[in-house]
């Protein structure tokens, strides 16, 4: 005799079968992007194919713990958040990141995805705010940018440049015009690479050139010295 599962049972069974490698799940203030300063749950996935020179999450390159989709969603719900950010590493390096994003959106959260821009974003749920990096020359990973992603961005999304020096700034300024980014996304973020470029210098360059971008200082580094779990 065949036993038929109810739609709810099938959903629970599916979420239990899907797994992801997780470095950490924590509750903190968002340190970047347009929700900066707002209480947020972060789901940090393990693994990244890039090796940017300024990377501040190298501890997420390996290790971690396998968790089911059901476990992850339950852990997030315990904080009763409004905002959830899926980050890494590079979260899209794990194929089950996509169903995780769907599950979090279905749970009613405002979900953002922090991605390097090196992997395709075509499968990302449109309800998710994509915060997409364009890697600058000084990152040493500029050649990994997938420019095909830009056509998939909407006014719900954001583009981020981490800028290490004046050359990076000029490169980012060119890309700003080349892809007409201010008219394509909600925010273009210029962030000084922590310890490499003073935020005051970047601020002055933006003012001098009257760029339609948002200066971004990483709040979590100012408050907690970049300690994991913040």
Protein backbone atom coordinates (compact mmCIF):
# COMPACT_ATOMS: atom_id res chain seq x y z
CA UNK A 1 0.00 0.00 0.00
CA UNK A 2 1.42 3.39 -0.99
CA UNK A 3 1.37 6.14 1.66
CA UNK A 4 0.78 9.59 0.26
CA UNK A 5 2.40 12.52 2.03
CA UNK A 6 0.44 15.72 2.56
CA UNK A 7 1.90 18.87 0.95
CA UNK A 8 3.04 20.01 4.42
CA UNK A 9 4.76 16.70 5.11
CA UNK A 10 6.42 16.81 1.70
CA UNK A 11 7.69 20.34 2.43
CA UNK A 12 9.15 19.32 5.79
CA UNK A 13 10.69 16.22 4.24
CA UNK A 14 12.27 18.25 1.45
CA UNK A 15 13.68 20.90 3.80
CA UNK A 16 15.18 18.19 5.98
CA UNK A 17 16.82 16.53 2.95
CA UNK A 18 18.48 19.72 1.67
CA UNK A 19 21.69 20.57 3.50
CA UNK A 20 24.23 23.39 3.50
CA UNK A 21 27.59 23.83 5.16
CA UNK A 22 27.25 26.65 7.67
CA UNK A 23 30.07 28.57 9.34
CA UNK A 24 27.84 30.55 11.71
CA UNK A 25 24.36 31.92 12.30
CA UNK A 26 24.28 35.02 14.47
CA UNK A 27 22.29 38.12 15.38
CA UNK A 28 23.93 41.52 15.09
CA UNK A 29 23.59 44.96 13.57
CA UNK A 30 23.90 45.11 9.81
CA UNK A 31 27.27 46.73 9.15
CA UNK A 32 26.83 47.52 5.47
CA UNK A 33 24.40 48.32 2.64
CA UNK A 34 21.11 50.20 2.85
CA UNK A 35 19.93 48.46 6.04
CA UNK A 36 23.09 49.44 7.93
CA UNK A 37 22.52 49.67 11.67
CA UNK A 38 19.39 47.51 11.69
CA UNK A 39 19.20 44.30 13.78
CA UNK A 40 19.73 41.38 11.39
CA UNK A 41 20.26 37.63 11.48
CA UNK A 42 23.27 36.55 9.43
CA UNK A 43 23.56 33.10 7.89
CA UNK A 44 27.19 32.65 6.89
CA UNK A 45 27.77 29.82 4.43
CA UNK A 46 31.13 28.09 4.21
CA UNK A 47 33.37 28.18 1.16
CA UNK A 48 34.51 30.69 -1.45
CA UNK A 49 36.31 30.27 -4.79
CA UNK A 50 37.85 33.77 -4.57
CA UNK A 51 40.82 35.00 -2.57
CA UNK A 52 40.51 38.79 -2.39
CA UNK A 53 43.54 40.42 -0.79
CA UNK A 54 41.41 42.28 1.75
CA UNK A 55 39.16 39.32 2.68
CA UNK A 56 37.93 39.59 6.28
CA UNK A 57 36.18 36.21 6.45
CA UNK A 58 38.93 33.75 5.58
CA UNK A 59 37.73 31.64 8.51
CA UNK A 60 34.69 30.80 6.36
CA UNK A 61 36.78 29.25 3.56
CA UNK A 62 36.55 25.78 5.09
CA UNK A 63 35.19 23.87 8.03
CA UNK A 64 31.67 24.68 9.10
CA UNK A 65 28.89 22.26 9.96
CA UNK A 66 26.36 20.57 7.72
CA UNK A 67 22.83 21.65 8.59
CA UNK A 68 19.49 20.90 7.01
CA UNK A 69 17.39 23.65 5.52
CA UNK A 70 14.88 22.99 8.27
CA UNK A 71 17.53 23.45 10.99
CA UNK A 72 18.73 26.72 9.47
CA UNK A 73 15.24 28.20 9.17
CA UNK A 74 14.47 27.14 12.75
CA UNK A 75 17.69 28.76 14.02
CA UNK A 76 16.85 32.00 12.22
CA UNK A 77 13.29 32.03 13.56
CA UNK A 78 14.55 31.82 17.15
CA UNK A 79 15.76 35.44 16.85
CA UNK A 80 12.39 36.68 15.56
CA UNK A 81 14.09 38.98 13.03
CA UNK A 82 12.73 41.21 10.35
CA UNK A 83 15.96 41.21 8.32
CA UNK A 84 18.05 38.20 7.29
CA UNK A 85 21.33 38.35 5.36
CA UNK A 86 22.80 35.29 3.65
CA UNK A 87 26.53 35.75 3.28
CA UNK A 88 29.85 33.89 3.17
CA UNK A 89 32.36 33.12 1.92
CA UNK A 90 30.49 33.09 -1.34
CA UNK A 91 27.02 31.73 -0.58
CA UNK A 92 26.18 30.94 -4.22
CA UNK A 93 29.06 28.44 -4.28
CA UNK A 94 26.62 26.07 -2.56
CA UNK A 95 23.76 25.04 -4.86
CA UNK A 96 21.31 24.77 -1.97
CA UNK A 97 21.73 28.46 -1.26
CA UNK A 98 18.93 29.09 -3.77
CA UNK A 99 16.26 27.05 -1.96
CA UNK A 100 17.45 28.55 1.33
CA UNK A 101 16.74 32.03 -0.03
CA UNK A 102 13.27 30.92 -1.14
CA UNK A 103 12.53 29.41 2.28
CA UNK A 104 13.59 32.58 4.10
CA UNK A 105 11.48 34.76 1.81
CA UNK A 106 8.52 32.42 2.26
CA UNK A 107 8.93 32.80 6.03
CA UNK A 108 8.26 36.52 5.63
CA UNK A 109 11.72 37.98 6.23
CA UNK A 110 13.32 40.80 4.27
CA UNK A 111 16.22 38.85 2.79
CA UNK A 112 19.48 40.09 1.32
CA UNK A 113 22.27 38.14 -0.35
CA UNK A 114 25.89 39.26 -0.20
CA UNK A 115 27.64 37.86 -3.25
CA UNK A 116 31.03 38.39 -4.86
CA UNK A 117 29.61 38.84 -8.34
CA UNK A 118 31.74 36.00 -9.68
CA UNK A 119 28.90 33.46 -9.87
CA UNK A 120 25.59 33.71 -11.78
CA UNK A 121 22.69 35.29 -9.90
CA UNK A 122 20.03 34.25 -12.42
CA UNK A 123 18.43 31.71 -10.08
CA UNK A 124 18.11 34.03 -7.08
CA UNK A 125 14.53 34.61 -5.90
CA UNK A 126 13.45 38.08 -7.11
CA UNK A 127 12.25 38.92 -3.61
CA UNK A 128 15.87 38.85 -2.41
CA UNK A 129 17.93 42.04 -2.39
CA UNK A 130 21.17 41.14 -4.12
CA UNK A 131 24.19 43.07 -2.79
CA UNK A 132 26.62 42.37 -5.59
CA UNK A 133 30.33 43.14 -5.45
CA UNK A 134 32.25 44.30 -8.47
CA UNK A 135 35.83 43.37 -7.66
CA UNK A 136 38.34 46.15 -8.27
CA UNK A 137 41.86 45.70 -9.70
CA UNK A 138 43.54 45.90 -6.29
CA UNK A 139 41.38 43.04 -4.97
CA UNK A 140 43.43 40.68 -7.21
CA UNK A 141 40.12 39.10 -8.32
CA UNK A 142 38.92 41.66 -10.86
CA UNK A 143 39.14 39.05 -13.63
CA UNK A 144 36.47 36.98 -11.86
CA UNK A 145 33.67 39.53 -12.30
CA UNK A 146 30.70 38.06 -14.17
CA UNK A 147 29.42 41.16 -15.95
CA UNK A 148 26.47 39.20 -17.27
CA UNK A 149 24.98 39.58 -13.80
CA UNK A 150 24.52 43.32 -14.24
CA UNK A 151 21.64 42.88 -16.71
CA UNK A 152 19.83 40.83 -14.05
CA UNK A 153 19.95 43.54 -11.39
CA UNK A 154 16.83 45.51 -10.47
CA UNK A 155 15.90 48.49 -8.31
CA UNK A 156 15.67 46.03 -5.41
CA UNK A 157 19.41 45.38 -5.65
CA UNK A 158 22.67 47.09 -4.76
CA UNK A 159 26.20 47.14 -6.19
CA UNK A 160 29.24 47.44 -3.95
CA UNK A 161 32.84 48.45 -4.74
CA UNK A 162 35.52 47.87 -2.11
CA UNK A 163 38.14 50.47 -2.97
CA UNK A 164 41.79 50.15 -1.99
CA UNK A 165 43.41 53.14 -3.68
CA UNK A 166 42.95 55.94 -6.22
CA UNK A 167 43.34 53.54 -9.15
CA UNK A 168 40.48 51.45 -7.80
CA UNK A 169 38.38 54.58 -7.40
CA UNK A 170 38.92 55.65 -11.01
CA UNK A 171 38.13 52.12 -12.21
CA UNK A 172 34.91 52.07 -10.17
CA UNK A 173 33.96 55.50 -11.48
CA UNK A 174 34.34 54.21 -15.04
CA UNK A 175 32.19 51.14 -14.31
CA UNK A 176 29.57 53.39 -12.75
CA UNK A 177 29.16 55.14 -16.10
CA UNK A 178 29.79 52.15 -18.35
CA UNK A 179 26.88 50.19 -16.88
CA UNK A 180 24.74 53.16 -15.81
CA UNK A 181 24.57 51.64 -12.35
CA UNK A 182 22.83 54.50 -10.48
CA UNK A 183 19.79 54.11 -12.72
CA UNK A 184 19.78 50.33 -12.52
CA UNK A 185 19.93 49.58 -8.77
CA UNK A 186 18.73 51.24 -5.58
CA UNK A 187 22.20 52.03 -4.24
CA UNK A 188 25.79 52.01 -5.42
CA UNK A 189 28.09 51.58 -2.44
CA UNK A 190 31.70 52.78 -2.32
CA UNK A 191 33.50 51.26 0.65
CA UNK A 192 37.14 51.98 1.62
CA UNK A 193 39.15 48.82 2.16
CA UNK A 194 39.64 48.69 5.92
CA UNK A 195 43.24 49.54 6.82
CA UNK A 196 44.20 50.39 3.23
CA UNK A 197 42.28 53.56 2.37
CA UNK A 198 41.06 56.19 4.81
CA UNK A 199 37.34 56.80 4.56
CA UNK A 200 37.93 60.56 4.63
CA UNK A 201 39.97 60.36 1.41
CA UNK A 202 37.30 58.37 -0.37
CA UNK A 203 34.64 60.78 0.89
CA UNK A 204 36.51 63.73 -0.57
CA UNK A 205 36.93 62.05 -3.95
CA UNK A 206 33.19 61.33 -4.08
CA UNK A 207 32.40 64.94 -3.20
CA UNK A 208 34.90 66.34 -5.69
CA UNK A 209 33.40 64.31 -8.53
CA UNK A 210 29.79 64.65 -7.33
CA UNK A 211 29.22 60.93 -7.71
CA UNK A 212 25.70 59.55 -7.12
CA UNK A 213 26.97 56.87 -4.75
CA UNK A 214 26.70 56.09 -1.05
CA UNK A 215 29.89 56.11 1.05
CA UNK A 216 29.88 53.02 3.22
CA UNK A 217 31.97 52.48 6.35
CA UNK A 218 31.77 49.00 7.85
CA UNK A 219 29.92 49.55 11.11
CA UNK A 220 30.73 46.13 12.53
CA UNK A 221 34.46 46.84 12.25
CA UNK A 222 34.09 50.16 14.04
CA UNK A 223 32.07 48.60 16.87
CA UNK A 224 33.58 45.14 17.29
CA UNK A 225 37.00 45.23 15.55
CA UNK A 226 35.79 42.69 12.96
CA UNK A 227 35.37 39.87 15.51
CA UNK A 228 33.50 36.80 14.19
CA UNK A 229 29.86 36.66 15.23
CA UNK A 230 29.28 40.35 14.55
